[in-house]
């Protein structure tokens, strides 16, 4: 007899568990359920105002004109959520249960609380649509931003896309080996001593310097064959650098930024590398998705 009771208790317990699991499985999510009710036109005063906002009638139970229809949406959720068994006649509990479910979701935002309106008490909510993550669109490997400064004055800023860029002051077309970037004239400078020394440097630069983009730079870093590359490059013409003096005092400085590295740097910041807040520091990458971006951008195409 004792064994039988034990089995009976186990069977009863299992049945209760099954009922609870099934009940939980079919219970709708509040946000989805509420929008269905708003769009059903089954409740007085509950409807869409425009594509993204809707109103809910919200009459206080202490009002003499508060009837069953005013509490119908709150009671309906109590039934659906199973709370009606706990509070079969408690209208205040129905509303509290409804309000808690509504406020717990970031899907809805209260924008107007007109619940104390004497004529037509209601609340207005906005539907907050989740923002879709924007894909990272990277520049090509060869895209560069080149800025030329004569001391503190920015003389030229341009983007170019080429694996070879030739910085020069005077170069025949036949001597060019890449995209031409010519040093600007000193005509707009006001410091005549600065003009004198800058012209002297420009006269000696002539065909200048040929820059070549090396696509293996970041791949070597990814595969631990080298340290982190500095993605901002400074070129100083005619003077020693670095020599402990401020960069702003140099007569001719060219700043070169591979744009793909700048975008990868931004992506690293967004993915949690909070220490990357300076454009002049090394590129540090700590997330696999960023490595995937480098792999896709710098790896050679597969052999056919």
Protein backbone atom coordinates (compact mmCIF):
# COMPACT_ATOMS: atom_id res chain seq x y z
CA UNK A 1 0.00 0.00 0.00
CA UNK A 2 2.84 2.37 0.79
CA UNK A 3 4.49 1.51 -2.50
CA UNK A 4 1.29 2.21 -4.34
CA UNK A 5 0.91 5.65 -2.73
CA UNK A 6 4.48 6.49 -3.63
CA UNK A 7 3.85 5.58 -7.26
CA UNK A 8 0.61 7.51 -7.23
CA UNK A 9 2.37 10.61 -5.93
CA UNK A 10 5.03 10.30 -8.61
CA UNK A 11 2.43 9.98 -11.32
CA UNK A 12 0.55 13.00 -10.01
CA UNK A 13 3.76 15.03 -9.88
CA UNK A 14 4.68 14.11 -13.44
CA UNK A 15 1.27 15.12 -14.70
CA UNK A 16 1.55 18.52 -13.02
CA UNK A 17 4.97 19.08 -14.62
CA UNK A 18 3.65 18.19 -18.05
CA UNK A 19 0.69 20.56 -17.67
CA UNK A 20 2.98 23.43 -16.57
CA UNK A 21 5.40 22.85 -19.47
CA UNK A 22 2.62 22.73 -22.03
CA UNK A 23 0.98 25.82 -20.56
CA UNK A 24 4.28 27.74 -20.66
CA UNK A 25 4.97 26.65 -24.21
CA UNK A 26 1.71 28.06 -25.57
CA UNK A 27 1.71 31.30 -23.57
CA UNK A 28 2.35 34.18 -26.01
CA UNK A 29 5.04 36.80 -25.56
CA UNK A 30 3.51 40.01 -24.23
CA UNK A 31 4.87 42.31 -26.95
CA UNK A 32 3.61 40.17 -29.81
CA UNK A 33 0.30 39.56 -28.07
CA UNK A 34 -0.28 43.27 -27.35
CA UNK A 35 0.34 44.31 -30.96
CA UNK A 36 -2.12 41.68 -32.10
CA UNK A 37 -4.75 43.12 -29.74
CA UNK A 38 -4.03 46.70 -30.87
CA UNK A 39 -4.56 45.71 -34.49
CA UNK A 40 -7.64 43.59 -33.82
CA UNK A 41 -10.05 46.54 -33.19
CA UNK A 42 -11.72 44.44 -30.48
CA UNK A 43 -11.24 46.97 -27.66
CA UNK A 44 -12.68 50.46 -27.44
CA UNK A 45 -9.93 53.08 -27.46
CA UNK A 46 -7.12 50.60 -28.17
CA UNK A 47 -5.79 51.26 -31.67
CA UNK A 48 -2.88 52.45 -33.77
CA UNK A 49 -2.42 56.20 -34.18
CA UNK A 50 0.13 55.89 -36.94
CA UNK A 51 2.63 53.30 -38.13
CA UNK A 52 4.75 53.48 -34.98
CA UNK A 53 2.46 54.67 -32.17
CA UNK A 54 -0.67 53.33 -30.48
CA UNK A 55 -2.97 54.37 -27.64
CA UNK A 56 -4.25 52.37 -24.67
CA UNK A 57 -7.30 53.48 -22.66
CA UNK A 58 -6.15 53.98 -19.07
CA UNK A 59 -9.03 54.90 -16.77
CA UNK A 60 -8.41 54.79 -13.01
CA UNK A 61 -10.54 52.25 -11.18
CA UNK A 62 -11.60 54.84 -8.59
CA UNK A 63 -13.61 56.71 -11.22
CA UNK A 64 -17.34 56.17 -11.07
CA UNK A 65 -17.55 55.77 -14.84
CA UNK A 66 -14.92 53.00 -14.93
CA UNK A 67 -16.63 49.86 -16.21
CA UNK A 68 -15.79 46.37 -17.43
CA UNK A 69 -14.94 47.57 -20.94
CA UNK A 70 -12.31 49.96 -19.54
CA UNK A 71 -10.55 47.03 -17.89
CA UNK A 72 -11.10 44.50 -20.62
CA UNK A 73 -7.57 44.57 -22.10
CA UNK A 74 -6.05 44.25 -18.61
CA UNK A 75 -8.29 41.31 -17.74
CA UNK A 76 -7.51 39.66 -21.07
CA UNK A 77 -3.79 39.65 -20.32
CA UNK A 78 -4.48 38.30 -16.82
CA UNK A 79 -6.31 35.40 -18.48
CA UNK A 80 -3.56 34.78 -21.04
CA UNK A 81 -0.74 35.04 -18.49
CA UNK A 82 -2.51 32.77 -16.01
CA UNK A 83 -2.81 35.47 -13.33
CA UNK A 84 -6.60 35.49 -13.49
CA UNK A 85 -6.64 32.41 -11.22
CA UNK A 86 -4.75 34.37 -8.55
CA UNK A 87 -6.82 37.55 -8.89
CA UNK A 88 -10.19 36.57 -10.41
CA UNK A 89 -11.90 39.86 -9.48
CA UNK A 90 -9.07 42.26 -8.64
CA UNK A 91 -9.08 44.90 -11.37
CA UNK A 92 -6.16 46.78 -9.82
CA UNK A 93 -4.01 43.60 -9.93
CA UNK A 94 -4.95 43.05 -13.59
CA UNK A 95 -3.75 46.54 -14.47
CA UNK A 96 -0.57 46.19 -12.40
CA UNK A 97 0.21 42.88 -14.08
CA UNK A 98 -0.35 44.47 -17.49
CA UNK A 99 1.71 47.57 -16.67
CA UNK A 100 4.65 45.54 -15.36
CA UNK A 101 4.71 43.42 -18.51
CA UNK A 102 4.53 46.56 -20.66
CA UNK A 103 7.27 48.44 -18.80
CA UNK A 104 9.60 45.45 -18.81
CA UNK A 105 10.00 45.62 -22.59
CA UNK A 106 12.28 48.00 -24.50
CA UNK A 107 10.05 47.35 -27.50
CA UNK A 108 7.61 50.03 -26.29
CA UNK A 109 8.28 53.55 -25.04
CA UNK A 110 5.75 55.75 -23.25
CA UNK A 111 5.65 59.12 -25.01
CA UNK A 112 2.43 60.65 -23.60
CA UNK A 113 0.76 59.88 -20.27
CA UNK A 114 -2.78 61.23 -20.48
CA UNK A 115 -4.15 58.84 -17.85
CA UNK A 116 -5.35 61.76 -15.71
CA UNK A 117 -7.31 63.36 -18.54
CA UNK A 118 -10.81 63.95 -17.25
CA UNK A 119 -12.51 63.38 -20.58
CA UNK A 120 -10.53 60.60 -22.26
CA UNK A 121 -7.77 59.07 -20.09
CA UNK A 122 -5.22 57.10 -22.11
CA UNK A 123 -1.52 56.50 -22.70
CA UNK A 124 0.39 56.64 -25.97
CA UNK A 125 3.30 54.33 -26.70
CA UNK A 126 5.82 54.26 -29.50
CA UNK A 127 6.99 50.99 -31.02
CA UNK A 128 10.79 50.88 -30.94
CA UNK A 129 12.12 48.92 -33.89
CA UNK A 130 15.46 47.18 -33.27
CA UNK A 131 18.38 48.71 -35.12
CA UNK A 132 19.99 46.40 -37.61
CA UNK A 133 23.78 46.28 -37.33
CA UNK A 134 25.41 48.02 -40.24
CA UNK A 135 27.92 45.93 -42.18
CA UNK A 136 31.49 47.19 -42.18
CA UNK A 137 32.36 48.37 -45.68
CA UNK A 138 36.10 48.53 -45.93
CA UNK A 139 38.11 50.66 -48.36
CA UNK A 140 40.40 48.81 -50.73
CA UNK A 141 43.90 47.91 -49.58
CA UNK A 142 45.42 50.61 -51.81
CA UNK A 143 43.30 53.56 -50.65
CA UNK A 144 45.40 56.19 -48.89
CA UNK A 145 44.74 59.56 -47.28
CA UNK A 146 47.71 61.87 -47.81
CA UNK A 147 48.09 65.17 -45.97
CA UNK A 148 50.95 67.60 -46.54
CA UNK A 149 51.86 70.19 -43.88
CA UNK A 150 54.32 73.05 -44.09
CA UNK A 151 54.89 73.49 -40.38
CA UNK A 152 51.44 73.91 -38.80
CA UNK A 153 49.68 74.76 -42.06
CA UNK A 154 47.80 72.04 -43.90
CA UNK A 155 48.60 72.63 -47.57
CA UNK A 156 47.04 69.58 -49.22
CA UNK A 157 44.74 66.69 -48.31
CA UNK A 158 43.73 64.06 -50.83
CA UNK A 159 42.62 60.47 -51.23
CA UNK A 160 44.19 58.22 -53.79
CA UNK A 161 43.85 54.54 -54.66
CA UNK A 162 47.02 53.02 -56.05
CA UNK A 163 49.70 50.57 -54.97
CA UNK A 164 52.31 53.21 -55.90
CA UNK A 165 52.27 56.93 -55.03
CA UNK A 166 55.05 59.34 -56.00
CA UNK A 167 55.60 62.40 -53.79
CA UNK A 168 57.59 65.00 -55.74
CA UNK A 169 58.20 68.70 -56.22
CA UNK A 170 59.03 68.53 -59.92
CA UNK A 171 58.83 65.41 -62.06
CA UNK A 172 58.35 64.80 -65.79
CA UNK A 173 55.47 62.57 -66.79
CA UNK A 174 57.94 60.01 -68.13
CA UNK A 175 59.58 59.75 -64.71
CA UNK A 176 56.39 59.06 -62.73
CA UNK A 177 56.06 55.54 -61.33
CA UNK A 178 52.73 55.93 -59.58
CA UNK A 179 49.94 58.37 -58.76
CA UNK A 180 51.40 61.88 -58.80
CA UNK A 181 51.25 63.88 -55.54
CA UNK A 182 53.06 67.17 -56.03
CA UNK A 183 54.14 69.33 -53.11
CA UNK A 184 52.11 72.58 -53.07
CA UNK A 185 53.49 76.02 -53.76
CA UNK A 186 54.61 78.20 -50.84
CA UNK A 187 52.72 81.21 -52.23
CA UNK A 188 50.13 81.19 -49.42
CA UNK A 189 52.71 81.20 -46.62
CA UNK A 190 53.30 84.52 -44.83
CA UNK A 191 56.50 83.76 -42.91
CA UNK A 192 59.21 84.67 -45.42
CA UNK A 193 61.95 82.85 -43.55
CA UNK A 194 59.82 79.71 -43.60
CA UNK A 195 59.20 80.23 -47.33
CA UNK A 196 62.92 80.56 -48.00
CA UNK A 197 63.89 77.31 -46.25
CA UNK A 198 60.88 75.38 -47.59
CA UNK A 199 61.72 76.37 -51.18
CA UNK A 200 65.28 75.22 -50.65
CA UNK A 201 64.02 71.80 -49.57
CA UNK A 202 61.55 71.57 -52.43
CA UNK A 203 64.32 72.38 -54.94
CA UNK A 204 66.19 69.34 -53.69
CA UNK A 205 63.26 66.94 -53.58
CA UNK A 206 62.64 66.94 -57.37
CA UNK A 207 61.46 63.41 -58.29
CA UNK A 208 60.88 62.77 -54.62
CA UNK A 209 59.79 59.56 -52.98
CA UNK A 210 57.92 56.52 -54.27
CA UNK A 211 55.50 54.92 -51.80
CA UNK A 212 54.47 51.31 -52.27
CA UNK A 213 51.51 49.71 -50.51
CA UNK A 214 52.45 46.33 -49.06
CA UNK A 215 49.36 44.18 -48.56
CA UNK A 216 51.24 41.66 -46.38
CA UNK A 217 51.69 44.23 -43.54
CA UNK A 218 48.60 43.33 -41.50
CA UNK A 219 48.66 39.65 -42.48
CA UNK A 220 52.12 39.31 -40.91
CA UNK A 221 50.71 40.85 -37.73
CA UNK A 222 47.71 38.52 -37.73
CA UNK A 223 49.91 35.46 -38.13
CA UNK A 224 52.32 36.57 -35.38
CA UNK A 225 55.25 37.11 -37.72
CA UNK A 226 55.65 40.73 -36.61
CA UNK A 227 54.42 43.22 -34.06
CA UNK A 228 51.54 45.64 -34.43
CA UNK A 229 52.00 48.04 -37.36
CA UNK A 230 51.57 51.78 -36.91
CA UNK A 231 48.84 52.68 -39.35
CA UNK A 232 49.61 56.43 -39.34
CA UNK A 233 52.88 57.13 -41.14
CA UNK A 234 54.77 60.43 -40.96
CA UNK A 235 57.42 61.39 -43.52
CA UNK A 236 59.69 64.34 -42.77
CA UNK A 237 61.64 65.88 -45.68
CA UNK A 238 65.01 67.56 -45.24
CA UNK A 239 65.15 67.28 -41.45
CA UNK A 240 65.86 64.50 -38.97
CA UNK A 241 62.82 62.82 -37.50
CA UNK A 242 62.28 61.87 -34.77
CA UNK A 243 64.72 64.12 -33.02
CA UNK A 244 62.77 65.12 -29.91
CA UNK A 245 61.36 68.27 -31.49
CA UNK A 246 57.60 68.75 -32.08
CA UNK A 247 56.38 67.51 -35.45
CA UNK A 248 54.56 70.82 -35.97
CA UNK A 249 57.91 72.66 -36.23
CA UNK A 250 59.15 70.61 -39.19
CA UNK A 251 59.19 72.43 -42.50
CA UNK A 252 57.70 69.65 -44.65
CA UNK A 253 55.74 66.72 -43.19
CA UNK A 254 53.63 64.22 -45.11
CA UNK A 255 51.04 62.17 -43.21
CA UNK A 256 49.95 58.93 -44.87
CA UNK A 257 47.00 56.90 -43.57
CA UNK A 258 45.92 53.62 -45.20
CA UNK A 259 42.15 54.02 -44.98
CA UNK A 260 41.49 50.32 -44.50
CA UNK A 261 43.61 50.41 -41.33
CA UNK A 262 41.65 53.39 -40.02
CA UNK A 263 38.38 51.51 -40.52
CA UNK A 264 39.76 48.39 -38.85
CA UNK A 265 40.89 50.59 -35.97
CA UNK A 266 37.33 51.94 -35.62
CA UNK A 267 35.95 48.40 -35.75
CA UNK A 268 38.36 47.38 -32.99
CA UNK A 269 37.07 50.24 -30.83
CA UNK A 270 33.45 49.24 -31.45
CA UNK A 271 34.17 45.64 -30.50
CA UNK A 272 35.56 46.54 -27.11
CA UNK A 273 39.15 47.72 -27.54
CA UNK A 274 38.38 50.83 -25.50
CA UNK A 275 42.03 51.81 -25.17
CA UNK A 276 42.22 52.56 -28.88
CA UNK A 277 41.29 56.23 -28.66
CA UNK A 278 44.26 57.82 -30.39
CA UNK A 279 44.76 57.93 -34.14
CA UNK A 280 48.53 57.87 -33.74
CA UNK A 281 48.86 54.57 -31.87
CA UNK A 282 49.48 51.08 -33.14
CA UNK A 283 46.63 48.98 -34.44
CA UNK A 284 45.65 46.43 -31.78
CA UNK A 285 43.15 43.72 -32.60
CA UNK A 286 41.61 41.34 -30.09
CA UNK A 287 38.48 39.96 -31.73
CA UNK A 288 38.17 37.11 -34.18
CA UNK A 289 35.75 38.96 -36.47
CA UNK A 290 38.38 41.65 -37.04
CA UNK A 291 40.90 39.00 -37.94
CA UNK A 292 38.36 37.69 -40.41
CA UNK A 293 38.13 41.17 -41.96
CA UNK A 294 41.89 41.30 -42.36
CA UNK A 295 41.91 37.81 -43.83
CA UNK A 296 39.25 38.74 -46.37
CA UNK A 297 40.88 42.05 -47.27
CA UNK A 298 44.54 41.08 -47.49
CA UNK A 299 44.61 37.43 -48.46
CA UNK A 300 45.36 36.65 -52.12
CA UNK A 301 42.46 35.28 -54.18
CA UNK A 302 42.20 31.46 -54.24
CA UNK A 303 43.82 29.70 -57.16
CA UNK A 304 41.39 28.65 -59.86
